[in-house]
Amino acid sequence: MTKEERHAQWREIIEGQRTSGMTIAAYCRENQIPTTSFYTIRRRLKEREAVTGGFLELKTARLVPPASSGIHLRFGNNLYV
């Protein structure tokens, strides 16, 4: 199973719990999922989606004379100038 397939499987589990109306503990108990794994993977997926999901609109001002835009983007620990 690839990493993306595992992520998709866990997203289905997390969505299943959310729509079940059950508490996380009850859902995990019923589906034989360690609650620590549920919380850990849910947090990691949220962090991953926060970094990779969505769009960011960048607008630059006119610089006279032309110079660096001064825009710096940080994704996780990576900095792009």
PDB file of N, CA and C in Angstrom:
ATOM      1  N   MET A   1       0.850  -1.178   0.000  1.00  0.00           N
ATOM      2  CA  MET A   1       0.000   0.000   0.000  1.00  0.00           C
ATOM      3  C   MET A   1       0.897   1.242   0.000  1.00  0.00           C
ATOM      4  N   THR A   2       0.613   2.166  -0.897  1.00  0.00           N
ATOM      5  CA  THR A   2       1.406   3.390  -0.980  1.00  0.00           C
ATOM      6  C   THR A   2       1.037   4.348   0.155  1.00  0.00           C
ATOM      7  N   LYS A   3       1.870   5.336   0.334  1.00  0.00           N
ATOM      8  CA  LYS A   3       1.624   6.353   1.356  1.00  0.00           C
ATOM      9  C   LYS A   3       0.306   7.073   1.098  1.00  0.00           C
ATOM     10  N   GLU A   4       0.050   7.414  -0.156  1.00  0.00           N
ATOM     11  CA  GLU A   4      -1.206   8.099  -0.498  1.00  0.00           C
ATOM     12  C   GLU A   4      -2.418   7.213  -0.242  1.00  0.00           C
ATOM     13  N   GLU A   5      -2.283   5.916  -0.501  1.00  0.00           N
ATOM     14  CA  GLU A   5      -3.388   4.989  -0.224  1.00  0.00           C
ATOM     15  C   GLU A   5      -3.659   4.894   1.276  1.00  0.00           C
ATOM     16  N   ARG A   6      -2.588   4.872   2.081  1.00  0.00           N
ATOM     17  CA  ARG A   6      -2.759   4.847   3.543  1.00  0.00           C
ATOM     18  C   ARG A   6      -3.421   6.134   4.023  1.00  0.00           C
ATOM     19  N   HIS A   7      -2.996   7.262   3.457  1.00  0.00           N
ATOM     20  CA  HIS A   7      -3.613   8.542   3.839  1.00  0.00           C
ATOM     21  C   HIS A   7      -5.098   8.544   3.484  1.00  0.00           C
ATOM     22  N   ALA A   8      -5.431   8.044   2.303  1.00  0.00           N
ATOM     23  CA  ALA A   8      -6.836   7.989   1.882  1.00  0.00           C
ATOM     24  C   ALA A   8      -7.639   7.076   2.808  1.00  0.00           C
ATOM     25  N   GLN A   9      -7.041   5.948   3.188  1.00  0.00           N
ATOM     26  CA  GLN A   9      -7.719   5.015   4.090  1.00  0.00           C
ATOM     27  C   GLN A   9      -7.979   5.685   5.446  1.00  0.00           C
ATOM     28  N   TRP A  10      -6.991   6.396   5.965  1.00  0.00           N
ATOM     29  CA  TRP A  10      -7.168   7.061   7.250  1.00  0.00           C
ATOM     30  C   TRP A  10      -8.160   8.228   7.151  1.00  0.00           C
ATOM     31  N   ARG A  11      -8.163   8.923   6.025  1.00  0.00           N
ATOM     32  CA  ARG A  11      -9.161   9.990   5.860  1.00  0.00           C
ATOM     33  C   ARG A  11     -10.572   9.409   5.898  1.00  0.00           C
ATOM     34  N   GLU A  12     -10.765   8.230   5.312  1.00  0.00           N
ATOM     35  CA  GLU A  12     -12.068   7.562   5.359  1.00  0.00           C
ATOM     36  C   GLU A  12     -12.418   7.160   6.786  1.00  0.00           C
ATOM     37  N   ILE A  13     -11.453   6.666   7.537  1.00  0.00           N
ATOM     38  CA  ILE A  13     -11.692   6.291   8.936  1.00  0.00           C
ATOM     39  C   ILE A  13     -12.082   7.516   9.747  1.00  0.00           C
ATOM     40  N   ILE A  14     -11.345   8.597   9.575  1.00  0.00           N
ATOM     41  CA  ILE A  14     -11.619   9.828  10.333  1.00  0.00           C
ATOM     42  C   ILE A  14     -12.990  10.385   9.962  1.00  0.00           C
ATOM     43  N   GLU A  15     -13.309  10.390   8.676  1.00  0.00           N
ATOM     44  CA  GLU A  15     -14.636  10.862   8.238  1.00  0.00           C
ATOM     45  C   GLU A  15     -15.723   9.925   8.757  1.00  0.00           C
ATOM     46  N   GLY A  16     -15.451   8.628   8.772  1.00  0.00           N
ATOM     47  CA  GLY A  16     -16.415   7.665   9.299  1.00  0.00           C
ATOM     48  C   GLY A  16     -16.739   7.926  10.757  1.00  0.00           C
ATOM     49  N   GLN A  17     -15.724   8.242  11.536  1.00  0.00           N
ATOM     50  CA  GLN A  17     -15.964   8.577  12.946  1.00  0.00           C
ATOM     51  C   GLN A  17     -16.764   9.857  13.056  1.00  0.00           C
ATOM     52  N   ARG A  18     -16.405  10.850  12.274  1.00  0.00           N
ATOM     53  CA  ARG A  18     -17.077  12.152  12.357  1.00  0.00           C
ATOM     54  C   ARG A  18     -18.559  12.020  12.051  1.00  0.00           C
ATOM     55  N   THR A  19     -18.902  11.237  11.034  1.00  0.00           N
ATOM     56  CA  THR A  19     -20.304  11.122  10.626  1.00  0.00           C
ATOM     57  C   THR A  19     -21.066  10.057  11.413  1.00  0.00           C
ATOM     58  N   SER A  20     -20.368   9.265  12.215  1.00  0.00           N
ATOM     59  CA  SER A  20     -21.025   8.188  12.964  1.00  0.00           C
ATOM     60  C   SER A  20     -21.839   8.698  14.145  1.00  0.00           C
ATOM     61  N   GLY A  21     -21.493   9.865  14.650  1.00  0.00           N
ATOM     62  CA  GLY A  21     -22.158  10.360  15.848  1.00  0.00           C
ATOM     63  C   GLY A  21     -21.582   9.752  17.119  1.00  0.00           C
ATOM     64  N   MET A  22     -20.596   8.881  16.966  1.00  0.00           N
ATOM     65  CA  MET A  22     -19.960   8.237  18.109  1.00  0.00           C
ATOM     66  C   MET A  22     -18.763   9.057  18.572  1.00  0.00           C
ATOM     67  N   THR A  23     -18.405   8.871  19.833  1.00  0.00           N
ATOM     68  CA  THR A  23     -17.173   9.488  20.302  1.00  0.00           C
ATOM     69  C   THR A  23     -16.007   8.777  19.634  1.00  0.00           C
ATOM     70  N   ILE A  24     -14.858   9.421  19.659  1.00  0.00           N
ATOM     71  CA  ILE A  24     -13.669   8.798  19.072  1.00  0.00           C
ATOM     72  C   ILE A  24     -13.356   7.495  19.796  1.00  0.00           C
ATOM     73  N   ALA A  25     -13.441   7.518  21.116  1.00  0.00           N
ATOM     74  CA  ALA A  25     -13.135   6.309  21.891  1.00  0.00           C
ATOM     75  C   ALA A  25     -14.065   5.160  21.508  1.00  0.00           C
ATOM     76  N   ALA A  26     -15.370   5.438  21.416  1.00  0.00           N
ATOM     77  CA  ALA A  26     -16.335   4.389  21.075  1.00  0.00           C
ATOM     78  C   ALA A  26     -16.118   3.888  19.652  1.00  0.00           C
ATOM     79  N   TYR A  27     -15.891   4.797  18.723  1.00  0.00           N
ATOM     80  CA  TYR A  27     -15.667   4.418  17.327  1.00  0.00           C
ATOM     81  C   TYR A  27     -14.413   3.554  17.198  1.00  0.00           C
ATOM     82  N   CYS A  28     -13.349   3.972  17.856  1.00  0.00           N
ATOM     83  CA  CYS A  28     -12.099   3.217  17.784  1.00  0.00           C
ATOM     84  C   CYS A  28     -12.268   1.844  18.429  1.00  0.00           C
ATOM     85  N   ARG A  29     -12.963   1.780  19.559  1.00  0.00           N
ATOM     86  CA  ARG A  29     -13.187   0.503  20.220  1.00  0.00           C
ATOM     87  C   ARG A  29     -13.966  -0.437  19.308  1.00  0.00           C
ATOM     88  N   GLU A  30     -15.034   0.089  18.684  1.00  0.00           N
ATOM     89  CA  GLU A  30     -15.870  -0.732  17.803  1.00  0.00           C
ATOM     90  C   GLU A  30     -15.104  -1.213  16.573  1.00  0.00           C
ATOM     91  N   ASN A  31     -14.186  -0.384  16.071  1.00  0.00           N
ATOM     92  CA  ASN A  31     -13.442  -0.725  14.853  1.00  0.00           C
ATOM     93  C   ASN A  31     -12.039  -1.232  15.134  1.00  0.00           C
ATOM     94  N   GLN A  32     -11.748  -1.512  16.397  1.00  0.00           N
ATOM     95  CA  GLN A  32     -10.456  -2.053  16.822  1.00  0.00           C
ATOM     96  C   GLN A  32      -9.282  -1.207  16.321  1.00  0.00           C
ATOM     97  N   ILE A  33      -9.403   0.094  16.559  1.00  0.00           N
ATOM     98  CA  ILE A  33      -8.354   1.044  16.183  1.00  0.00           C
ATOM     99  C   ILE A  33      -7.811   1.645  17.474  1.00  0.00           C
ATOM    100  N   PRO A  34      -6.509   1.606  17.693  1.00  0.00           N
ATOM    101  CA  PRO A  34      -5.957   2.267  18.889  1.00  0.00           C
ATOM    102  C   PRO A  34      -6.254   3.767  18.841  1.00  0.00           C
ATOM    103  N   THR A  35      -6.816   4.286  19.916  1.00  0.00           N
ATOM    104  CA  THR A  35      -7.159   5.720  19.928  1.00  0.00           C
ATOM    105  C   THR A  35      -5.919   6.583  19.753  1.00  0.00           C
ATOM    106  N   THR A  36      -4.783   6.136  20.280  1.00  0.00           N
ATOM    107  CA  THR A  36      -3.554   6.929  20.112  1.00  0.00           C
ATOM    108  C   THR A  36      -3.188   7.042  18.638  1.00  0.00           C
ATOM    109  N   SER A  37      -3.385   5.960  17.876  1.00  0.00           N
ATOM    110  CA  SER A  37      -3.110   6.004  16.430  1.00  0.00           C
ATOM    111  C   SER A  37      -4.077   6.958  15.747  1.00  0.00           C
ATOM    112  N   PHE A  38      -5.360   6.901  16.132  1.00  0.00           N
ATOM    113  CA  PHE A  38      -6.371   7.768  15.531  1.00  0.00           C
ATOM    114  C   PHE A  38      -5.980   9.233  15.717  1.00  0.00           C
ATOM    115  N   TYR A  39      -5.695   9.628  16.966  1.00  0.00           N
ATOM    116  CA  TYR A  39      -5.353  11.022  17.244  1.00  0.00           C
ATOM    117  C   TYR A  39      -4.056  11.442  16.547  1.00  0.00           C
ATOM    118  N   THR A  40      -3.044  10.578  16.575  1.00  0.00           N
ATOM    119  CA  THR A  40      -1.757  10.903  15.961  1.00  0.00           C
ATOM    120  C   THR A  40      -1.884  11.091  14.464  1.00  0.00           C
ATOM    121  N   ILE A  41      -2.554  10.171  13.802  1.00  0.00           N
ATOM    122  CA  ILE A  41      -2.669  10.251  12.342  1.00  0.00           C
ATOM    123  C   ILE A  41      -3.592  11.389  11.935  1.00  0.00           C
ATOM    124  N   ARG A  42      -4.662  11.628  12.695  1.00  0.00           N
ATOM    125  CA  ARG A  42      -5.540  12.762  12.389  1.00  0.00           C
ATOM    126  C   ARG A  42      -4.764  14.072  12.464  1.00  0.00           C
ATOM    127  N   ARG A  43      -3.926  14.210  13.504  1.00  0.00           N
ATOM    128  CA  ARG A  43      -3.116  15.428  13.648  1.00  0.00           C
ATOM    129  C   ARG A  43      -2.126  15.559  12.491  1.00  0.00           C
ATOM    130  N   ARG A  44      -1.454  14.467  12.132  1.00  0.00           N
ATOM    131  CA  ARG A  44      -0.481  14.513  11.033  1.00  0.00           C
ATOM    132  C   ARG A  44      -1.150  14.857   9.705  1.00  0.00           C
ATOM    133  N   LEU A  45      -2.323  14.305   9.459  1.00  0.00           N
ATOM    134  CA  LEU A  45      -3.027  14.617   8.209  1.00  0.00           C
ATOM    135  C   LEU A  45      -3.445  16.077   8.172  1.00  0.00           C
ATOM    136  N   LYS A  46      -3.911  16.600   9.309  1.00  0.00           N
ATOM    137  CA  LYS A  46      -4.280  18.021   9.361  1.00  0.00           C
ATOM    138  C   LYS A  46      -3.070  18.901   9.081  1.00  0.00           C
ATOM    139  N   GLU A  47      -1.924  18.561   9.687  1.00  0.00           N
ATOM    140  CA  GLU A  47      -0.701  19.344   9.457  1.00  0.00           C
ATOM    141  C   GLU A  47      -0.277  19.267   7.997  1.00  0.00           C
ATOM    142  N   ARG A  48      -0.358  18.077   7.424  1.00  0.00           N
ATOM    143  CA  ARG A  48       0.040  17.880   6.023  1.00  0.00           C
ATOM    144  C   ARG A  48      -0.873  18.670   5.088  1.00  0.00           C
ATOM    145  N   GLU A  49      -2.174  18.625   5.360  1.00  0.00           N
ATOM    146  CA  GLU A  49      -3.126  19.334   4.513  1.00  0.00           C
ATOM    147  C   GLU A  49      -3.001  20.839   4.676  1.00  0.00           C
ATOM    148  N   ALA A  50      -2.600  21.289   5.854  1.00  0.00           N
ATOM    149  CA  ALA A  50      -2.404  22.725   6.071  1.00  0.00           C
ATOM    150  C   ALA A  50      -1.240  23.228   5.233  1.00  0.00           C
ATOM    151  N   VAL A  51      -0.243  22.376   5.017  1.00  0.00           N
ATOM    152  CA  VAL A  51       0.930  22.774   4.242  1.00  0.00           C
ATOM    153  C   VAL A  51       0.670  22.637   2.751  1.00  0.00           C
ATOM    154  N   THR A  52      -0.025  21.568   2.342  1.00  0.00           N
ATOM    155  CA  THR A  52      -0.174  21.290   0.916  1.00  0.00           C
ATOM    156  C   THR A  52      -1.521  21.698   0.340  1.00  0.00           C
ATOM    157  N   GLY A  53      -2.498  21.956   1.167  1.00  0.00           N
ATOM    158  CA  GLY A  53      -3.834  22.239   0.646  1.00  0.00           C
ATOM    159  C   GLY A  53      -4.076  23.720   0.466  1.00  0.00           C
ATOM    160  N   GLY A  54      -4.989  24.033  -0.420  1.00  0.00           N
ATOM    161  CA  GLY A  54      -5.401  25.407  -0.601  1.00  0.00           C
ATOM    162  C   GLY A  54      -4.519  26.189  -1.553  1.00  0.00           C
ATOM    163  N   PHE A  55      -4.917  27.424  -1.746  1.00  0.00           N
ATOM    164  CA  PHE A  55      -4.200  28.304  -2.649  1.00  0.00           C
ATOM    165  C   PHE A  55      -3.849  29.580  -1.909  1.00  0.00           C
ATOM    166  N   LEU A  56      -2.816  30.197  -2.366  1.00  0.00           N
ATOM    167  CA  LEU A  56      -2.372  31.459  -1.808  1.00  0.00           C
ATOM    168  C   LEU A  56      -2.201  32.430  -2.948  1.00  0.00           C
ATOM    169  N   GLU A  57      -2.885  33.562  -2.892  1.00  0.00           N
ATOM    170  CA  GLU A  57      -2.745  34.565  -3.936  1.00  0.00           C
ATOM    171  C   GLU A  57      -1.666  35.549  -3.525  1.00  0.00           C
ATOM    172  N   LEU A  58      -0.726  35.752  -4.414  1.00  0.00           N
ATOM    173  CA  LEU A  58       0.344  36.704  -4.166  1.00  0.00           C
ATOM    174  C   LEU A  58       0.206  37.880  -5.118  1.00  0.00           C
ATOM    175  N   LYS A  59       0.247  39.067  -4.567  1.00  0.00           N
ATOM    176  CA  LYS A  59       0.213  40.270  -5.386  1.00  0.00           C
ATOM    177  C   LYS A  59       1.487  41.044  -5.109  1.00  0.00           C
ATOM    178  N   THR A  60       2.108  41.482  -6.169  1.00  0.00           N
ATOM    179  CA  THR A  60       3.339  42.251  -5.998  1.00  0.00           C
ATOM    180  C   THR A  60       3.079  43.715  -6.326  1.00  0.00           C
ATOM    181  N   ALA A  61       3.837  44.544  -5.679  1.00  0.00           N
ATOM    182  CA  ALA A  61       3.744  45.977  -5.955  1.00  0.00           C
ATOM    183  C   ALA A  61       4.756  46.307  -7.045  1.00  0.00           C
ATOM    184  N   ARG A  62       4.534  47.414  -7.732  1.00  0.00           N
ATOM    185  CA  ARG A  62       5.501  47.871  -8.726  1.00  0.00           C
ATOM    186  C   ARG A  62       6.705  48.422  -8.006  1.00  0.00           C
ATOM    187  N   LEU A  63       7.847  47.921  -8.398  1.00  0.00           N
ATOM    188  CA  LEU A  63       9.079  48.361  -7.748  1.00  0.00           C
ATOM    189  C   LEU A  63       9.867  49.238  -8.710  1.00  0.00           C
ATOM    190  N   VAL A  64      10.191  50.419  -8.248  1.00  0.00           N
ATOM    191  CA  VAL A  64      10.978  51.331  -9.075  1.00  0.00           C
ATOM    192  C   VAL A  64      12.188  51.736  -8.267  1.00  0.00           C
ATOM    193  N   PRO A  65      13.372  51.515  -8.688  1.00  0.00           N
ATOM    194  CA  PRO A  65      13.768  50.704  -9.840  1.00  0.00           C
ATOM    195  C   PRO A  65      13.489  49.227  -9.554  1.00  0.00           C
ATOM    196  N   PRO A  66      13.467  48.400 -10.631  1.00  0.00           N
ATOM    197  CA  PRO A  66      13.198  46.982 -10.443  1.00  0.00           C
ATOM    198  C   PRO A  66      14.165  46.374  -9.430  1.00  0.00           C
ATOM    199  N   ALA A  67      13.617  45.590  -8.546  1.00  0.00           N
ATOM    200  CA  ALA A  67      14.423  44.954  -7.499  1.00  0.00           C
ATOM    201  C   ALA A  67      13.757  43.647  -7.109  1.00  0.00           C
ATOM    202  N   SER A  68      14.298  43.014  -6.140  1.00  0.00           N
ATOM    203  CA  SER A  68      13.722  41.784  -5.608  1.00  0.00           C
ATOM    204  C   SER A  68      12.318  42.070  -5.086  1.00  0.00           C
ATOM    205  N   SER A  69      11.426  41.107  -5.214  1.00  0.00           N
ATOM    206  CA  SER A  69      10.055  41.303  -4.739  1.00  0.00           C
ATOM    207  C   SER A  69       9.989  41.326  -3.227  1.00  0.00           C
ATOM    208  N   GLY A  70      10.949  40.705  -2.572  1.00  0.00           N
ATOM    209  CA  GLY A  70      10.926  40.651  -1.114  1.00  0.00           C
ATOM    210  C   GLY A  70       9.985  39.584  -0.575  1.00  0.00           C
ATOM    211  N   ILE A  71       9.462  38.758  -1.476  1.00  0.00           N
ATOM    212  CA  ILE A  71       8.531  37.706  -1.050  1.00  0.00           C
ATOM    213  C   ILE A  71       9.322  36.490  -0.593  1.00  0.00           C
ATOM    214  N   HIS A  72       8.967  35.987   0.566  1.00  0.00           N
ATOM    215  CA  HIS A  72       9.580  34.781   1.100  1.00  0.00           C
ATOM    216  C   HIS A  72       8.447  33.813   1.440  1.00  0.00           C
ATOM    217  N   LEU A  73       8.532  32.577   0.950  1.00  0.00           N
ATOM    218  CA  LEU A  73       7.531  31.553   1.226  1.00  0.00           C
ATOM    219  C   LEU A  73       8.164  30.468   2.077  1.00  0.00           C
ATOM    220  N   ARG A  74       7.455  30.048   3.102  1.00  0.00           N
ATOM    221  CA  ARG A  74       7.952  28.978   3.958  1.00  0.00           C
ATOM    222  C   ARG A  74       6.927  27.860   3.953  1.00  0.00           C
ATOM    223  N   PHE A  75       7.367  26.663   3.569  1.00  0.00           N
ATOM    224  CA  PHE A  75       6.555  25.461   3.585  1.00  0.00           C
ATOM    225  C   PHE A  75       7.263  24.468   4.493  1.00  0.00           C
ATOM    226  N   GLY A  76       6.709  24.253   5.655  1.00  0.00           N
ATOM    227  CA  GLY A  76       7.381  23.387   6.619  1.00  0.00           C
ATOM    228  C   GLY A  76       8.689  24.030   7.017  1.00  0.00           C
ATOM    229  N   ASN A  77       9.768  23.300   6.843  1.00  0.00           N
ATOM    230  CA  ASN A  77      11.096  23.817   7.195  1.00  0.00           C
ATOM    231  C   ASN A  77      11.822  24.416   6.003  1.00  0.00           C
ATOM    232  N   ASN A  78      11.176  24.445   4.833  1.00  0.00           N
ATOM    233  CA  ASN A  78      11.810  24.943   3.613  1.00  0.00           C
ATOM    234  C   ASN A  78      11.463  26.416   3.400  1.00  0.00           C
ATOM    235  N   LEU A  79      12.436  27.183   3.046  1.00  0.00           N
ATOM    236  CA  LEU A  79      12.234  28.598   2.755  1.00  0.00           C
ATOM    237  C   LEU A  79      12.552  28.841   1.292  1.00  0.00           C
ATOM    238  N   TYR A  80      11.617  29.503   0.593  1.00  0.00           N
ATOM    239  CA  TYR A  80      11.800  29.827  -0.829  1.00  0.00           C
ATOM    240  C   TYR A  80      11.809  31.332  -0.961  1.00  0.00           C
ATOM    241  N   VAL A  81      12.830  31.875  -1.622  1.00  0.00           N
ATOM    242  CA  VAL A  81      12.977  33.319  -1.791  1.00  0.00           C
ATOM    243  C   VAL A  81      12.823  33.659  -3.250  1.00  0.00           C
TER     244      VAL A  81
END
